[in-house]
Amino acid sequence: MSRLPITANYRRHGDDWAVVVRADGRELAATAPGLIAARLAADQFADEIAGRYADRTVVHLLDGDALAFSVAYLHTRAGLAPPAQRRREASNTHDQVIDA
């Protein structure tokens, strides 16, 4: 069978964490008291969704950003406070011209 791509998107929900797992036209959601608990829920949802797929890929995102999730999760696992999230500024069109 082919590989099934799965996304798990996390976001703060007050003092808790909300996670939405999407794949194969399905969506499962949960709220958990911490990021590690939310990750465990996402893993269970991925198992449920993957069912018949022997091979799957799960991408964990924090508000749509995989790197931000990795940083927050690793900090949490190490018992550290996650760094403050930075808001990305929208990129602007530049007036620079590149001559070939």
Protein backbone atom coordinates (compact mmCIF):
# COMPACT_ATOMS: atom_id res chain seq x y z
CA MET A 1 0.00 0.00 0.00
CA SER A 2 1.05 3.60 -0.43
CA ARG A 3 2.26 6.02 2.22
CA LEU A 4 -0.40 7.97 4.12
CA PRO A 5 0.49 11.59 4.99
CA ILE A 6 -0.99 12.70 8.32
CA THR A 7 -0.87 16.17 9.87
CA ALA A 8 -1.30 16.92 13.56
CA ASN A 9 -1.78 20.64 14.19
CA TYR A 10 -1.52 21.91 17.77
CA ARG A 11 -2.54 25.24 19.25
CA ARG A 12 -2.96 26.74 22.68
CA HIS A 13 -6.50 26.53 24.00
CA GLY A 14 -6.44 28.59 27.20
CA ASP A 15 -4.25 26.63 29.63
CA ASP A 16 -4.68 23.46 27.56
CA TRP A 17 -3.56 22.31 24.12
CA ALA A 18 -5.88 21.50 21.24
CA VAL A 19 -4.80 19.11 18.50
CA VAL A 20 -6.46 18.32 15.17
CA VAL A 21 -5.25 15.28 13.23
CA ARG A 22 -6.12 15.13 9.52
CA ALA A 23 -5.58 12.46 6.88
CA ASP A 24 -7.39 10.56 4.20
CA GLY A 25 -10.41 12.88 4.37
CA ARG A 26 -10.83 12.34 8.11
CA GLU A 27 -10.35 14.74 10.99
CA LEU A 28 -10.12 13.93 14.70
CA ALA A 29 -9.72 16.55 17.44
CA ALA A 30 -8.97 16.62 21.15
CA THR A 31 -7.99 18.97 23.95
CA ALA A 32 -5.37 17.92 26.49
CA PRO A 33 -3.91 19.43 29.68
CA GLY A 34 -0.39 19.65 28.25
CA LEU A 35 1.62 19.37 25.05
CA ILE A 36 2.88 15.87 25.84
CA ALA A 37 -0.69 14.66 26.50
CA ALA A 38 -1.82 16.31 23.25
CA ARG A 39 1.01 14.53 21.39
CA LEU A 40 -0.12 11.19 22.86
CA ALA A 41 -3.69 11.89 21.69
CA ALA A 42 -2.35 12.75 18.22
CA ASP A 43 -0.43 9.47 18.09
CA GLN A 44 -3.59 7.54 19.01
CA PHE A 45 -5.57 9.39 16.34
CA ALA A 46 -2.85 8.67 13.77
CA ASP A 47 -3.05 4.96 14.63
CA GLU A 48 -6.83 5.06 14.25
CA ILE A 49 -6.74 6.90 10.92
CA ALA A 50 -3.84 4.89 9.48
CA GLY A 51 -5.67 1.61 9.98
CA ARG A 52 -4.98 -0.25 6.73
CA TYR A 53 -1.84 1.71 5.82
CA ALA A 54 1.35 -0.07 6.77
CA ASP A 55 3.45 3.01 6.05
CA ARG A 56 2.56 6.49 7.26
CA THR A 57 4.16 9.84 7.87
CA VAL A 58 2.97 12.15 10.65
CA VAL A 59 3.93 15.82 10.54
CA HIS A 60 3.40 17.65 13.84
CA LEU A 61 2.71 21.39 13.53
CA LEU A 62 2.33 24.20 16.04
CA ASP A 63 -0.06 26.66 14.45
CA GLY A 64 1.05 25.28 11.07
CA ASP A 65 4.80 25.38 11.80
CA ALA A 66 6.75 22.10 12.14
CA LEU A 67 9.90 23.74 13.53
CA ALA A 68 7.92 25.63 16.17
CA PHE A 69 6.31 22.34 17.28
CA SER A 70 9.68 20.60 17.51
CA VAL A 71 11.16 23.40 19.62
CA ALA A 72 8.15 23.56 21.96
CA TYR A 73 7.93 19.76 22.30
CA LEU A 74 11.65 19.27 23.00
CA HIS A 75 11.61 22.07 25.58
CA THR A 76 8.58 20.51 27.27
CA ARG A 77 10.14 17.02 27.28
CA ALA A 78 13.28 18.48 28.88
CA GLY A 79 11.19 20.18 31.58
CA LEU A 80 11.91 23.66 30.26
CA ALA A 81 9.41 26.38 29.52
CA PRO A 82 8.79 26.64 25.78
CA PRO A 83 10.25 29.80 24.29
CA ALA A 84 7.82 32.60 23.51
CA GLN A 85 6.29 32.26 20.09
CA ARG A 86 7.35 34.87 17.61
CA ARG A 87 4.84 36.25 15.18
CA ARG A 88 6.06 36.14 11.64
CA GLU A 89 5.78 39.29 9.64
CA ALA A 90 4.27 39.03 6.21
CA SER A 91 6.91 39.23 3.55
CA ASN A 92 6.81 42.31 1.38
CA THR A 93 7.45 42.64 -2.31
CA HIS A 94 10.87 44.12 -2.95
CA ASP A 95 11.74 46.70 -5.58
CA GLN A 96 15.05 45.04 -6.35
CA VAL A 97 15.63 44.10 -10.00
CA ILE A 98 18.04 41.34 -10.92
CA ASP A 99 19.69 41.77 -14.30
CA ALA A 100 20.58 38.63 -16.17
